[in-house]
C-alpha cells in the first residue's frame, strides 16, 4: 500500500473513531443499518428479532478499536521495529516453556497435519504470546462497532458478526461472555469467528472446541487451518535472499502469491540462501525499514498459505523467525542438559 493510501485510510479510520460514540449513543438497536442486519439474521438463520434487538440494545460502542486498527503493528512499514515486537528474548522463552508443556500435542499435530511444530508455535507466539494476551474486549462490542462504524471493512466484520452470533447459539454460549482482541479475534490462536466455526478442532478429546482454555485445541486448530488452506508437508515456507539488481523490484511489487520459477530469479538479481529447485514457484518479499536497507526473502507456496492467516508479509516472516528462534533455544537447552555430567553419588 502506498504512503498516500495509508494516510487516507488512517484519516478515515480516525474520523470513524471520532464519530462512533455519537452514532451509537442512540443504541445500536435503533439504527436502521442494524435493524436491517437483524432482519437478515431472522430470515436467514431463524433468530428472534426481539432477542437480537435486546442484544444490540446492550452493545457498547468501542471507538478505541477503530483507533487501534490504525495503530496495528502490521500497518508499520519498519520491519526491524515490527520484528522486535515479536522476536525477542521474552517471547522466545515463553515459546520454549509452551513447547515443553505441550510437546505431545505439538508432535501429534505436526505428524497429522504436516505443519512443523515451530510454525504452529510461531503463530501462537505472535498472536498472543502463547495465551498470555488474548484480548480484553467483549467480542460482541468490537464486532458490532467494526461492522457498522468501520469506514472500509464493514462487510467483512458484518460477516464475522454473523458467524459470532451463530457460534454462540450453536455452543449455547452467552453472547456477552466471550472476550477477544480489538478486531474480534478469539482465544490462544486469535481465530476470527468465521474461522473458529470452520477450522477449530477438539484436539484434547473433551467434546468441545475450546480455543480460549485448551492449548491442545489451539495447537490442533492452527495446524488444521494451515492444512485446509493448502499447506504442503515437508516444503519450506520462505528463505532469506540477497538482491543485486533494481530489476528485483518487479518481483517485490508482484505480491505474495508465488508466480515466478526459481530458475528465473537470477535474471532479476535475486539469489536465495538455499537451493529451491528450478521449478519451485516463488515470490519476492521485501521487508522495508526506512532508515535501513530492505531485507529480502523468497516466498514459496507455504508462505502464501501463512498469509491466509494474516495478510501482512511482516507477520508471515515474524512467525517464521520466532518459530525458528524458539526451536533453536529449545534445542540448545536440551543439548546443554544432555551434556551436563550426572551428579556423583
C-alpha atoms as a PDB file:
ATOM      1  CA  UNK A   1       0.000   0.000   0.000  1.00  0.00           C
ATOM      2  CA  UNK A   2       1.368   3.421  -0.927  1.00  0.00           C
ATOM      3  CA  UNK A   3       2.163   6.014   1.724  1.00  0.00           C
ATOM      4  CA  UNK A   4      -0.639   8.300   0.469  1.00  0.00           C
ATOM      5  CA  UNK A   5      -3.215   5.496   0.586  1.00  0.00           C
ATOM      6  CA  UNK A   6      -2.122   4.593   4.126  1.00  0.00           C
ATOM      7  CA  UNK A   7      -2.568   8.238   5.141  1.00  0.00           C
ATOM      8  CA  UNK A   8      -6.065   8.426   3.644  1.00  0.00           C
ATOM      9  CA  UNK A   9      -7.066   5.163   5.328  1.00  0.00           C
ATOM     10  CA  UNK A  10      -5.700   6.296   8.689  1.00  0.00           C
ATOM     11  CA  UNK A  11      -7.594   9.587   8.388  1.00  0.00           C
ATOM     12  CA  UNK A  12     -10.829   7.769   7.546  1.00  0.00           C
ATOM     13  CA  UNK A  13     -10.446   5.416  10.490  1.00  0.00           C
ATOM     14  CA  UNK A  14      -9.661   8.311  12.831  1.00  0.00           C
ATOM     15  CA  UNK A  15     -12.789  10.127  11.665  1.00  0.00           C
ATOM     16  CA  UNK A  16     -14.851   6.982  12.171  1.00  0.00           C
ATOM     17  CA  UNK A  17     -13.457   6.595  15.679  1.00  0.00           C
ATOM     18  CA  UNK A  18     -14.469  10.159  16.479  1.00  0.00           C
ATOM     19  CA  UNK A  19     -17.986   9.701  15.097  1.00  0.00           C
ATOM     20  CA  UNK A  20     -18.691   6.253  16.587  1.00  0.00           C
ATOM     21  CA  UNK A  21     -19.776   7.392  20.085  1.00  0.00           C
ATOM     22  CA  UNK A  22     -22.300   9.845  18.686  1.00  0.00           C
ATOM     23  CA  UNK A  23     -23.728   7.323  16.225  1.00  0.00           C
ATOM     24  CA  UNK A  24     -24.102   4.616  18.857  1.00  0.00           C
ATOM     25  CA  UNK A  25     -25.419   6.919  21.580  1.00  0.00           C
ATOM     26  CA  UNK A  26     -28.966   6.221  20.425  1.00  0.00           C
ATOM     27  CA  UNK A  27     -28.287   2.454  20.869  1.00  0.00           C
ATOM     28  CA  UNK A  28     -27.299   0.200  18.029  1.00  0.00           C
ATOM     29  CA  UNK A  29     -30.707  -1.475  18.204  1.00  0.00           C
ATOM     30  CA  UNK A  30     -32.376   1.710  16.944  1.00  0.00           C
ATOM     31  CA  UNK A  31     -30.097   2.238  13.963  1.00  0.00           C
ATOM     32  CA  UNK A  32     -31.568   1.416  10.578  1.00  0.00           C
ATOM     33  CA  UNK A  33     -28.468  -0.446   9.337  1.00  0.00           C
ATOM     34  CA  UNK A  34     -28.507  -2.642  12.440  1.00  0.00           C
ATOM     35  CA  UNK A  35     -32.244  -3.265  12.145  1.00  0.00           C
ATOM     36  CA  UNK A  36     -31.697  -4.410   8.559  1.00  0.00           C
ATOM     37  CA  UNK A  37     -28.975  -6.773   9.775  1.00  0.00           C
ATOM     38  CA  UNK A  38     -31.339  -8.150  12.425  1.00  0.00           C
ATOM     39  CA  UNK A  39     -33.990  -8.792   9.770  1.00  0.00           C
ATOM     40  CA  UNK A  40     -31.492 -10.682   7.626  1.00  0.00           C
ATOM     41  CA  UNK A  41     -30.402 -12.803  10.612  1.00  0.00           C
ATOM     42  CA  UNK A  42     -34.041 -13.611  11.386  1.00  0.00           C
ATOM     43  CA  UNK A  43     -34.861 -14.579   7.793  1.00  0.00           C
ATOM     44  CA  UNK A  44     -31.605 -16.389   7.043  1.00  0.00           C
ATOM     45  CA  UNK A  45     -30.943 -18.164  10.333  1.00  0.00           C
ATOM     46  CA  UNK A  46     -34.191 -18.083  12.295  1.00  0.00           C
ATOM     47  CA  UNK A  47     -33.042 -15.726  15.030  1.00  0.00           C
ATOM     48  CA  UNK A  48     -35.667 -13.973  17.103  1.00  0.00           C
ATOM     49  CA  UNK A  49     -35.806 -10.301  16.172  1.00  0.00           C
ATOM     50  CA  UNK A  50     -36.787  -9.455  19.733  1.00  0.00           C
ATOM     51  CA  UNK A  51     -33.763 -11.313  21.083  1.00  0.00           C
ATOM     52  CA  UNK A  52     -31.319  -9.600  18.719  1.00  0.00           C
ATOM     53  CA  UNK A  53     -32.853  -6.198  19.417  1.00  0.00           C
ATOM     54  CA  UNK A  54     -32.219  -6.870  23.101  1.00  0.00           C
ATOM     55  CA  UNK A  55     -28.615  -7.905  22.353  1.00  0.00           C
ATOM     56  CA  UNK A  56     -27.821  -4.853  20.259  1.00  0.00           C
ATOM     57  CA  UNK A  57     -29.548  -2.628  22.781  1.00  0.00           C
ATOM     58  CA  UNK A  58     -26.907  -3.698  25.305  1.00  0.00           C
ATOM     59  CA  UNK A  59     -23.899  -3.467  22.986  1.00  0.00           C
ATOM     60  CA  UNK A  60     -21.419  -0.750  23.914  1.00  0.00           C
ATOM     61  CA  UNK A  61     -19.673   1.121  21.120  1.00  0.00           C
ATOM     62  CA  UNK A  62     -15.877   0.820  21.189  1.00  0.00           C
ATOM     63  CA  UNK A  63     -14.357   3.784  19.323  1.00  0.00           C
ATOM     64  CA  UNK A  64     -10.971   2.732  20.696  1.00  0.00           C
ATOM     65  CA  UNK A  65     -10.997  -0.327  18.433  1.00  0.00           C
ATOM     66  CA  UNK A  66     -11.269   1.889  15.366  1.00  0.00           C
ATOM     67  CA  UNK A  67      -8.241   3.817  16.565  1.00  0.00           C
ATOM     68  CA  UNK A  68      -6.390   0.562  17.257  1.00  0.00           C
ATOM     69  CA  UNK A  69      -6.923  -0.522  13.668  1.00  0.00           C
ATOM     70  CA  UNK A  70      -4.854   2.498  12.559  1.00  0.00           C
ATOM     71  CA  UNK A  71      -2.097   1.708  15.070  1.00  0.00           C
ATOM     72  CA  UNK A  72      -1.805  -2.037  14.453  1.00  0.00           C
ATOM     73  CA  UNK A  73       1.855  -3.221  14.292  1.00  0.00           C
ATOM     74  CA  UNK A  74       1.363  -4.670  10.823  1.00  0.00           C
ATOM     75  CA  UNK A  75       0.481  -1.201   9.482  1.00  0.00           C
ATOM     76  CA  UNK A  76       4.032  -0.055  10.221  1.00  0.00           C
ATOM     77  CA  UNK A  77       6.483  -0.055   7.342  1.00  0.00           C
ATOM     78  CA  UNK A  78       9.549  -0.507   9.554  1.00  0.00           C
ATOM     79  CA  UNK A  79      10.447  -4.191   9.534  1.00  0.00           C
ATOM     80  CA  UNK A  80      13.106  -4.055  12.230  1.00  0.00           C
ATOM     81  CA  UNK A  81      10.731  -2.313  14.635  1.00  0.00           C
ATOM     82  CA  UNK A  82       7.977  -4.794  13.848  1.00  0.00           C
ATOM     83  CA  UNK A  83      10.313  -7.768  14.277  1.00  0.00           C
ATOM     84  CA  UNK A  84      11.499  -6.543  17.662  1.00  0.00           C
ATOM     85  CA  UNK A  85       7.932  -6.634  18.963  1.00  0.00           C
ATOM     86  CA  UNK A  86       7.570 -10.346  18.278  1.00  0.00           C
ATOM     87  CA  UNK A  87      11.053 -11.858  18.149  1.00  0.00           C
ATOM     88  CA  UNK A  88      12.633 -11.033  21.481  1.00  0.00           C
ATOM     89  CA  UNK A  89      14.028 -12.964  24.479  1.00  0.00           C
ATOM     90  CA  UNK A  90      10.793 -12.794  26.466  1.00  0.00           C
ATOM     91  CA  UNK A  91       8.635 -14.249  23.719  1.00  0.00           C
ATOM     92  CA  UNK A  92      11.254 -16.850  22.813  1.00  0.00           C
ATOM     93  CA  UNK A  93      11.428 -18.023  26.436  1.00  0.00           C
ATOM     94  CA  UNK A  94       7.637 -18.184  26.613  1.00  0.00           C
ATOM     95  CA  UNK A  95       7.718 -20.305  23.456  1.00  0.00           C
ATOM     96  CA  UNK A  96      10.241 -22.751  24.917  1.00  0.00           C
ATOM     97  CA  UNK A  97       8.091 -23.136  28.025  1.00  0.00           C
ATOM     98  CA  UNK A  98       4.935 -23.653  25.942  1.00  0.00           C
ATOM     99  CA  UNK A  99       6.689 -26.274  23.796  1.00  0.00           C
ATOM    100  CA  UNK A 100       7.921 -28.100  26.897  1.00  0.00           C
ATOM    101  CA  UNK A 101       4.425 -28.197  28.422  1.00  0.00           C
ATOM    102  CA  UNK A 102       2.611 -29.184  25.235  1.00  0.00           C
ATOM    103  CA  UNK A 103       5.214 -31.218  23.354  1.00  0.00           C
ATOM    104  CA  UNK A 104       2.911 -34.204  22.851  1.00  0.00           C
ATOM    105  CA  UNK A 105       0.137 -32.152  21.232  1.00  0.00           C
ATOM    106  CA  UNK A 106       2.631 -30.305  19.028  1.00  0.00           C
ATOM    107  CA  UNK A 107       4.275 -33.524  17.880  1.00  0.00           C
ATOM    108  CA  UNK A 108       0.917 -35.132  17.129  1.00  0.00           C
ATOM    109  CA  UNK A 109      -0.378 -32.105  15.231  1.00  0.00           C
ATOM    110  CA  UNK A 110       2.795 -31.885  13.169  1.00  0.00           C
ATOM    111  CA  UNK A 111       2.540 -35.554  12.238  1.00  0.00           C
ATOM    112  CA  UNK A 112      -1.183 -35.404  11.476  1.00  0.00           C
ATOM    113  CA  UNK A 113      -1.412 -32.107   9.603  1.00  0.00           C
ATOM    114  CA  UNK A 114       2.126 -31.865   8.205  1.00  0.00           C
ATOM    115  CA  UNK A 115       2.855 -28.461   9.741  1.00  0.00           C
ATOM    116  CA  UNK A 116       6.181 -28.098  11.611  1.00  0.00           C
ATOM    117  CA  UNK A 117       5.951 -27.514  15.351  1.00  0.00           C
ATOM    118  CA  UNK A 118       7.873 -24.260  15.055  1.00  0.00           C
ATOM    119  CA  UNK A 119       5.370 -22.809  12.585  1.00  0.00           C
ATOM    120  CA  UNK A 120       2.481 -23.581  14.936  1.00  0.00           C
ATOM    121  CA  UNK A 121       4.491 -22.087  17.795  1.00  0.00           C
ATOM    122  CA  UNK A 122       5.383 -19.031  15.734  1.00  0.00           C
ATOM    123  CA  UNK A 123       1.731 -18.249  15.048  1.00  0.00           C
ATOM    124  CA  UNK A 124       0.579 -18.735  18.642  1.00  0.00           C
ATOM    125  CA  UNK A 125       3.546 -16.735  19.898  1.00  0.00           C
ATOM    126  CA  UNK A 126       2.975 -13.788  17.592  1.00  0.00           C
ATOM    127  CA  UNK A 127      -0.772 -13.821  18.190  1.00  0.00           C
ATOM    128  CA  UNK A 128      -0.984 -13.974  21.996  1.00  0.00           C
ATOM    129  CA  UNK A 129       2.456 -14.755  23.475  1.00  0.00           C
ATOM    130  CA  UNK A 130       1.247 -18.329  23.990  1.00  0.00           C
ATOM    131  CA  UNK A 131      -2.103 -17.405  25.502  1.00  0.00           C
ATOM    132  CA  UNK A 132      -0.862 -14.678  27.810  1.00  0.00           C
ATOM    133  CA  UNK A 133      -2.634 -11.842  25.991  1.00  0.00           C
ATOM    134  CA  UNK A 134      -5.879 -12.916  24.359  1.00  0.00           C
ATOM    135  CA  UNK A 135      -7.611  -9.536  24.497  1.00  0.00           C
ATOM    136  CA  UNK A 136      -9.996  -7.885  26.915  1.00  0.00           C
ATOM    137  CA  UNK A 137     -12.746  -6.516  24.671  1.00  0.00           C
ATOM    138  CA  UNK A 138     -16.173  -8.102  24.598  1.00  0.00           C
ATOM    139  CA  UNK A 139     -16.337  -9.706  21.162  1.00  0.00           C
ATOM    140  CA  UNK A 140     -19.921  -8.594  20.553  1.00  0.00           C
ATOM    141  CA  UNK A 141     -18.921  -4.962  21.208  1.00  0.00           C
ATOM    142  CA  UNK A 142     -15.887  -4.945  18.924  1.00  0.00           C
ATOM    143  CA  UNK A 143     -17.544  -6.771  16.056  1.00  0.00           C
ATOM    144  CA  UNK A 144     -20.641  -4.569  16.203  1.00  0.00           C
ATOM    145  CA  UNK A 145     -18.537  -1.397  16.265  1.00  0.00           C
ATOM    146  CA  UNK A 146     -16.434  -2.559  13.340  1.00  0.00           C
ATOM    147  CA  UNK A 147     -19.393  -3.977  11.414  1.00  0.00           C
ATOM    148  CA  UNK A 148     -21.355  -0.740  11.457  1.00  0.00           C
ATOM    149  CA  UNK A 149     -18.795   2.026  12.018  1.00  0.00           C
ATOM    150  CA  UNK A 150     -15.685   0.886  10.144  1.00  0.00           C
ATOM    151  CA  UNK A 151     -15.190   3.056   7.042  1.00  0.00           C
ATOM    152  CA  UNK A 152     -13.572   0.386   4.901  1.00  0.00           C
ATOM    153  CA  UNK A 153     -14.217  -3.179   6.136  1.00  0.00           C
ATOM    154  CA  UNK A 154     -17.801  -3.143   7.305  1.00  0.00           C
ATOM    155  CA  UNK A 155     -18.871  -6.008   5.047  1.00  0.00           C
ATOM    156  CA  UNK A 156     -16.120  -8.281   6.386  1.00  0.00           C
ATOM    157  CA  UNK A 157     -16.921  -7.533  10.004  1.00  0.00           C
ATOM    158  CA  UNK A 158     -20.663  -7.980   9.436  1.00  0.00           C
ATOM    159  CA  UNK A 159     -19.877 -11.465   8.163  1.00  0.00           C
ATOM    160  CA  UNK A 160     -17.824 -12.107  11.296  1.00  0.00           C
ATOM    161  CA  UNK A 161     -20.611 -10.757  13.495  1.00  0.00           C
ATOM    162  CA  UNK A 162     -22.994 -13.141  11.739  1.00  0.00           C
ATOM    163  CA  UNK A 163     -20.594 -16.036  12.421  1.00  0.00           C
ATOM    164  CA  UNK A 164     -20.196 -14.981  16.053  1.00  0.00           C
ATOM    165  CA  UNK A 165     -23.938 -14.951  16.681  1.00  0.00           C
ATOM    166  CA  UNK A 166     -24.224 -18.381  15.063  1.00  0.00           C
ATOM    167  CA  UNK A 167     -21.252 -19.664  17.079  1.00  0.00           C
ATOM    168  CA  UNK A 168     -22.669 -18.550  20.410  1.00  0.00           C
ATOM    169  CA  UNK A 169     -26.067 -20.049  19.579  1.00  0.00           C
ATOM    170  CA  UNK A 170     -24.565 -23.359  18.438  1.00  0.00           C
ATOM    171  CA  UNK A 171     -22.429 -23.611  21.571  1.00  0.00           C
ATOM    172  CA  UNK A 172     -25.047 -22.196  23.957  1.00  0.00           C
ATOM    173  CA  UNK A 173     -22.601 -19.502  24.998  1.00  0.00           C
ATOM    174  CA  UNK A 174     -23.610 -16.150  26.455  1.00  0.00           C
ATOM    175  CA  UNK A 175     -23.077 -13.674  23.630  1.00  0.00           C
ATOM    176  CA  UNK A 176     -21.674 -11.145  26.113  1.00  0.00           C
ATOM    177  CA  UNK A 177     -19.253 -13.535  27.823  1.00  0.00           C
ATOM    178  CA  UNK A 178     -16.523 -14.035  25.227  1.00  0.00           C
ATOM    179  CA  UNK A 179     -13.633 -11.590  25.099  1.00  0.00           C
ATOM    180  CA  UNK A 180     -11.027 -11.089  22.413  1.00  0.00           C
ATOM    181  CA  UNK A 181      -8.836  -8.652  20.544  1.00  0.00           C
ATOM    182  CA  UNK A 182      -9.732  -5.195  19.248  1.00  0.00           C
ATOM    183  CA  UNK A 183     -10.556  -6.906  15.928  1.00  0.00           C
ATOM    184  CA  UNK A 184     -12.839  -9.547  17.467  1.00  0.00           C
ATOM    185  CA  UNK A 185     -10.327 -12.403  17.293  1.00  0.00           C
ATOM    186  CA  UNK A 186     -10.774 -15.115  19.911  1.00  0.00           C
ATOM    187  CA  UNK A 187      -8.586 -17.356  22.034  1.00  0.00           C
ATOM    188  CA  UNK A 188      -4.988 -18.546  22.114  1.00  0.00           C
ATOM    189  CA  UNK A 189      -4.619 -18.569  18.291  1.00  0.00           C
ATOM    190  CA  UNK A 190      -6.858 -15.498  17.741  1.00  0.00           C
ATOM    191  CA  UNK A 191      -9.328 -17.049  15.330  1.00  0.00           C
ATOM    192  CA  UNK A 192     -11.977 -14.795  13.883  1.00  0.00           C
ATOM    193  CA  UNK A 193     -15.461 -16.243  14.470  1.00  0.00           C
ATOM    194  CA  UNK A 194     -15.767 -17.495  10.895  1.00  0.00           C
ATOM    195  CA  UNK A 195     -12.501 -19.399  11.181  1.00  0.00           C
ATOM    196  CA  UNK A 196     -13.479 -20.666  14.637  1.00  0.00           C
ATOM    197  CA  UNK A 197     -16.646 -22.263  13.232  1.00  0.00           C
ATOM    198  CA  UNK A 198     -14.891 -23.671  10.173  1.00  0.00           C
ATOM    199  CA  UNK A 199     -11.429 -24.748  11.288  1.00  0.00           C
ATOM    200  CA  UNK A 200     -11.360 -25.239  15.070  1.00  0.00           C
ATOM    201  CA  UNK A 201     -10.922 -28.843  16.228  1.00  0.00           C
ATOM    202  CA  UNK A 202     -11.370 -30.670  19.511  1.00  0.00           C
ATOM    203  CA  UNK A 203      -7.793 -31.845  19.986  1.00  0.00           C
ATOM    204  CA  UNK A 204      -7.882 -32.753  23.663  1.00  0.00           C
ATOM    205  CA  UNK A 205     -10.898 -35.056  23.263  1.00  0.00           C
ATOM    206  CA  UNK A 206     -13.172 -33.384  25.803  1.00  0.00           C
ATOM    207  CA  UNK A 207     -16.008 -32.883  23.326  1.00  0.00           C
ATOM    208  CA  UNK A 208     -15.545 -29.114  22.992  1.00  0.00           C
ATOM    209  CA  UNK A 209     -13.612 -26.875  20.601  1.00  0.00           C
ATOM    210  CA  UNK A 210     -12.209 -24.505  23.201  1.00  0.00           C
ATOM    211  CA  UNK A 211      -9.615 -22.100  21.858  1.00  0.00           C
ATOM    212  CA  UNK A 212      -9.557 -19.935  24.977  1.00  0.00           C
ATOM    213  CA  UNK A 213      -8.685 -22.533  27.614  1.00  0.00           C
ATOM    214  CA  UNK A 214      -7.306 -25.557  25.761  1.00  0.00           C
ATOM    215  CA  UNK A 215      -3.759 -25.238  24.386  1.00  0.00           C
ATOM    216  CA  UNK A 216      -4.202 -28.610  22.671  1.00  0.00           C
ATOM    217  CA  UNK A 217      -7.296 -27.389  20.831  1.00  0.00           C
ATOM    218  CA  UNK A 218      -5.408 -24.232  19.828  1.00  0.00           C
ATOM    219  CA  UNK A 219      -2.445 -26.256  18.524  1.00  0.00           C
ATOM    220  CA  UNK A 220      -4.596 -28.638  16.522  1.00  0.00           C
ATOM    221  CA  UNK A 221      -6.764 -25.831  15.167  1.00  0.00           C
ATOM    222  CA  UNK A 222      -3.817 -23.772  13.895  1.00  0.00           C
ATOM    223  CA  UNK A 223      -2.400 -26.841  12.148  1.00  0.00           C
ATOM    224  CA  UNK A 224      -5.814 -27.707  10.704  1.00  0.00           C
ATOM    225  CA  UNK A 225      -6.300 -24.147   9.431  1.00  0.00           C
ATOM    226  CA  UNK A 226      -2.997 -24.248   7.567  1.00  0.00           C
ATOM    227  CA  UNK A 227      -3.586 -27.695   6.112  1.00  0.00           C
ATOM    228  CA  UNK A 228      -7.071 -26.736   4.941  1.00  0.00           C
ATOM    229  CA  UNK A 229      -5.576 -23.705   3.209  1.00  0.00           C
ATOM    230  CA  UNK A 230      -3.112 -25.886   1.322  1.00  0.00           C
ATOM    231  CA  UNK A 231      -0.010 -26.285   3.490  1.00  0.00           C
ATOM    232  CA  UNK A 232       2.391 -28.748   1.842  1.00  0.00           C
ATOM    233  CA  UNK A 233       4.111 -31.208   4.134  1.00  0.00           C
ATOM    234  CA  UNK A 234       7.895 -31.118   4.071  1.00  0.00           C
ATOM    235  CA  UNK A 235       8.233 -27.943   2.000  1.00  0.00           C
ATOM    236  CA  UNK A 236       9.818 -24.714   3.279  1.00  0.00           C
ATOM    237  CA  UNK A 237       7.798 -21.510   3.511  1.00  0.00           C
ATOM    238  CA  UNK A 238      10.452 -18.909   2.750  1.00  0.00           C
ATOM    239  CA  UNK A 239      14.212 -18.434   2.700  1.00  0.00           C
ATOM    240  CA  UNK A 240      16.346 -15.290   3.019  1.00  0.00           C
ATOM    241  CA  UNK A 241      17.700 -13.850  -0.211  1.00  0.00           C
ATOM    242  CA  UNK A 242      20.148 -11.265  -1.484  1.00  0.00           C
ATOM    243  CA  UNK A 243      19.267  -8.790  -4.222  1.00  0.00           C
ATOM    244  CA  UNK A 244      21.814  -7.263  -6.596  1.00  0.00           C
ATOM    245  CA  UNK A 245      19.679  -5.609  -9.286  1.00  0.00           C
ATOM    246  CA  UNK A 246      16.897  -2.978  -9.375  1.00  0.00           C
ATOM    247  CA  UNK A 247      15.011  -5.431 -11.576  1.00  0.00           C
ATOM    248  CA  UNK A 248      14.116  -7.342  -8.415  1.00  0.00           C
ATOM    249  CA  UNK A 249      11.602  -4.627  -7.568  1.00  0.00           C
ATOM    250  CA  UNK A 250       9.350  -6.015 -10.291  1.00  0.00           C
ATOM    251  CA  UNK A 251       9.085  -9.240  -8.318  1.00  0.00           C
ATOM    252  CA  UNK A 252       8.640  -7.459  -4.999  1.00  0.00           C
ATOM    253  CA  UNK A 253       5.771  -5.421  -6.438  1.00  0.00           C
ATOM    254  CA  UNK A 254       4.008  -8.519  -7.793  1.00  0.00           C
ATOM    255  CA  UNK A 255       2.510  -9.578  -4.474  1.00  0.00           C
ATOM    256  CA  UNK A 256       2.954 -12.567  -2.216  1.00  0.00           C
ATOM    257  CA  UNK A 257       1.376 -15.205  -4.448  1.00  0.00           C
ATOM    258  CA  UNK A 258       4.212 -17.326  -5.936  1.00  0.00           C
ATOM    259  CA  UNK A 259       4.208 -16.714  -9.665  1.00  0.00           C
ATOM    260  CA  UNK A 260       7.860 -16.956 -10.755  1.00  0.00           C
ATOM    261  CA  UNK A 261      10.054 -20.038 -11.200  1.00  0.00           C
ATOM    262  CA  UNK A 262      13.140 -20.260  -9.005  1.00  0.00           C
ATOM    263  CA  UNK A 263      15.170 -20.751 -12.168  1.00  0.00           C
ATOM    264  CA  UNK A 264      14.196 -17.217 -13.239  1.00  0.00           C
ATOM    265  CA  UNK A 265      15.329 -15.492 -10.043  1.00  0.00           C
ATOM    266  CA  UNK A 266      18.973 -14.907 -11.087  1.00  0.00           C
ATOM    267  CA  UNK A 267      17.831 -12.914 -14.105  1.00  0.00           C
ATOM    268  CA  UNK A 268      16.223 -10.455 -11.660  1.00  0.00           C
ATOM    269  CA  UNK A 269      19.327 -10.314  -9.482  1.00  0.00           C
ATOM    270  CA  UNK A 270      17.809 -12.462  -6.723  1.00  0.00           C
ATOM    271  CA  UNK A 271      19.827 -15.187  -5.001  1.00  0.00           C
ATOM    272  CA  UNK A 272      18.080 -17.388  -2.412  1.00  0.00           C
ATOM    273  CA  UNK A 273      20.111 -18.554   0.581  1.00  0.00           C
ATOM    274  CA  UNK A 274      19.427 -22.193  -0.306  1.00  0.00           C
ATOM    275  CA  UNK A 275      18.671 -24.224  -3.420  1.00  0.00           C
ATOM    276  CA  UNK A 276      14.939 -24.329  -4.133  1.00  0.00           C
ATOM    277  CA  UNK A 277      14.899 -26.399  -7.310  1.00  0.00           C
ATOM    278  CA  UNK A 278      14.361 -24.801 -10.690  1.00  0.00           C
ATOM    279  CA  UNK A 279      10.613 -25.399 -10.877  1.00  0.00           C
ATOM    280  CA  UNK A 280       9.621 -24.091  -7.438  1.00  0.00           C
ATOM    281  CA  UNK A 281       7.201 -21.177  -7.740  1.00  0.00           C
ATOM    282  CA  UNK A 282       8.319 -18.107  -5.801  1.00  0.00           C
ATOM    283  CA  UNK A 283       7.552 -14.561  -4.821  1.00  0.00           C
ATOM    284  CA  UNK A 284       9.965 -11.910  -3.571  1.00  0.00           C
ATOM    285  CA  UNK A 285       9.226 -10.455  -0.155  1.00  0.00           C
ATOM    286  CA  UNK A 286      10.660  -7.026   0.592  1.00  0.00           C
ATOM    287  CA  UNK A 287      10.923  -6.126   4.282  1.00  0.00           C
ATOM    288  CA  UNK A 288      11.289  -2.367   4.411  1.00  0.00           C
ATOM    289  CA  UNK A 289      12.860  -0.289   7.164  1.00  0.00           C
ATOM    290  CA  UNK A 290      13.045   3.396   6.154  1.00  0.00           C
ATOM    291  CA  UNK A 291      16.326   4.017   7.974  1.00  0.00           C
ATOM    292  CA  UNK A 292      17.975   0.768   6.861  1.00  0.00           C
ATOM    293  CA  UNK A 293      18.433  -1.284   3.725  1.00  0.00           C
ATOM    294  CA  UNK A 294      15.499  -3.580   2.977  1.00  0.00           C
ATOM    295  CA  UNK A 295      15.755  -7.270   3.751  1.00  0.00           C
ATOM    296  CA  UNK A 296      14.543  -9.789   1.180  1.00  0.00           C
ATOM    297  CA  UNK A 297      13.090 -13.275   1.400  1.00  0.00           C
ATOM    298  CA  UNK A 298      11.934 -15.618  -1.316  1.00  0.00           C
ATOM    299  CA  UNK A 299       8.428 -16.771  -0.505  1.00  0.00           C
ATOM    300  CA  UNK A 300       7.137 -20.172  -1.582  1.00  0.00           C
ATOM    301  CA  UNK A 301       3.712 -21.795  -1.609  1.00  0.00           C
ATOM    302  CA  UNK A 302       3.670 -22.354   2.154  1.00  0.00           C
ATOM    303  CA  UNK A 303       4.419 -18.693   2.798  1.00  0.00           C
ATOM    304  CA  UNK A 304       1.385 -17.771   0.738  1.00  0.00           C
ATOM    305  CA  UNK A 305      -0.602 -20.195   2.937  1.00  0.00           C
ATOM    306  CA  UNK A 306       0.714 -18.395   6.047  1.00  0.00           C
ATOM    307  CA  UNK A 307      -0.686 -15.147   4.700  1.00  0.00           C
ATOM    308  CA  UNK A 308      -4.159 -16.709   4.679  1.00  0.00           C
ATOM    309  CA  UNK A 309      -3.886 -16.481   8.470  1.00  0.00           C
ATOM    310  CA  UNK A 310      -2.813 -12.835   8.300  1.00  0.00           C
ATOM    311  CA  UNK A 311      -2.267 -10.984   5.021  1.00  0.00           C
ATOM    312  CA  UNK A 312       0.716  -8.907   6.212  1.00  0.00           C
ATOM    313  CA  UNK A 313       4.091 -10.124   4.918  1.00  0.00           C
ATOM    314  CA  UNK A 314       5.754  -8.760   8.050  1.00  0.00           C
ATOM    315  CA  UNK A 315       3.507 -11.105  10.027  1.00  0.00           C
ATOM    316  CA  UNK A 316       4.447 -14.157   7.976  1.00  0.00           C
ATOM    317  CA  UNK A 317       8.191 -13.601   8.310  1.00  0.00           C
ATOM    318  CA  UNK A 318       7.867 -12.794  12.034  1.00  0.00           C
ATOM    319  CA  UNK A 319       6.069 -16.129  12.526  1.00  0.00           C
ATOM    320  CA  UNK A 320       8.911 -17.980  10.803  1.00  0.00           C
ATOM    321  CA  UNK A 321      11.613 -16.053  12.652  1.00  0.00           C
ATOM    322  CA  UNK A 322      10.004 -16.535  16.076  1.00  0.00           C
ATOM    323  CA  UNK A 323       9.389 -20.240  15.465  1.00  0.00           C
ATOM    324  CA  UNK A 324      12.984 -20.754  14.356  1.00  0.00           C
ATOM    325  CA  UNK A 325      14.312 -18.873  17.388  1.00  0.00           C
ATOM    326  CA  UNK A 326      12.154 -20.935  19.763  1.00  0.00           C
ATOM    327  CA  UNK A 327      13.350 -24.195  18.206  1.00  0.00           C
ATOM    328  CA  UNK A 328      16.999 -23.124  18.427  1.00  0.00           C
ATOM    329  CA  UNK A 329      16.608 -22.084  22.070  1.00  0.00           C
ATOM    330  CA  UNK A 330      14.842 -25.331  22.954  1.00  0.00           C
ATOM    331  CA  UNK A 331      17.436 -27.464  21.134  1.00  0.00           C
ATOM    332  CA  UNK A 332      20.279 -25.582  22.837  1.00  0.00           C
ATOM    333  CA  UNK A 333      18.703 -26.130  26.239  1.00  0.00           C
ATOM    334  CA  UNK A 334      18.208 -29.830  25.532  1.00  0.00           C
ATOM    335  CA  UNK A 335      21.800 -30.214  24.358  1.00  0.00           C
ATOM    336  CA  UNK A 336      23.117 -28.451  27.454  1.00  0.00           C
ATOM    337  CA  UNK A 337      21.061 -30.685  29.723  1.00  0.00           C
ATOM    338  CA  UNK A 338      22.314 -33.821  27.975  1.00  0.00           C
ATOM    339  CA  UNK A 339      25.921 -32.660  28.185  1.00  0.00           C
ATOM    340  CA  UNK A 340      25.745 -31.910  31.884  1.00  0.00           C
ATOM    341  CA  UNK A 341      27.566 -34.606  33.847  1.00  0.00           C
ATOM    342  CA  UNK A 342      25.468 -36.693  36.181  1.00  0.00           C
ATOM    343  CA  UNK A 343      25.808 -35.886  39.862  1.00  0.00           C
ATOM    344  CA  UNK A 344      28.180 -38.173  41.630  1.00  0.00           C
ATOM    345  CA  UNK A 345      26.736 -40.288  44.451  1.00  0.00           C
END
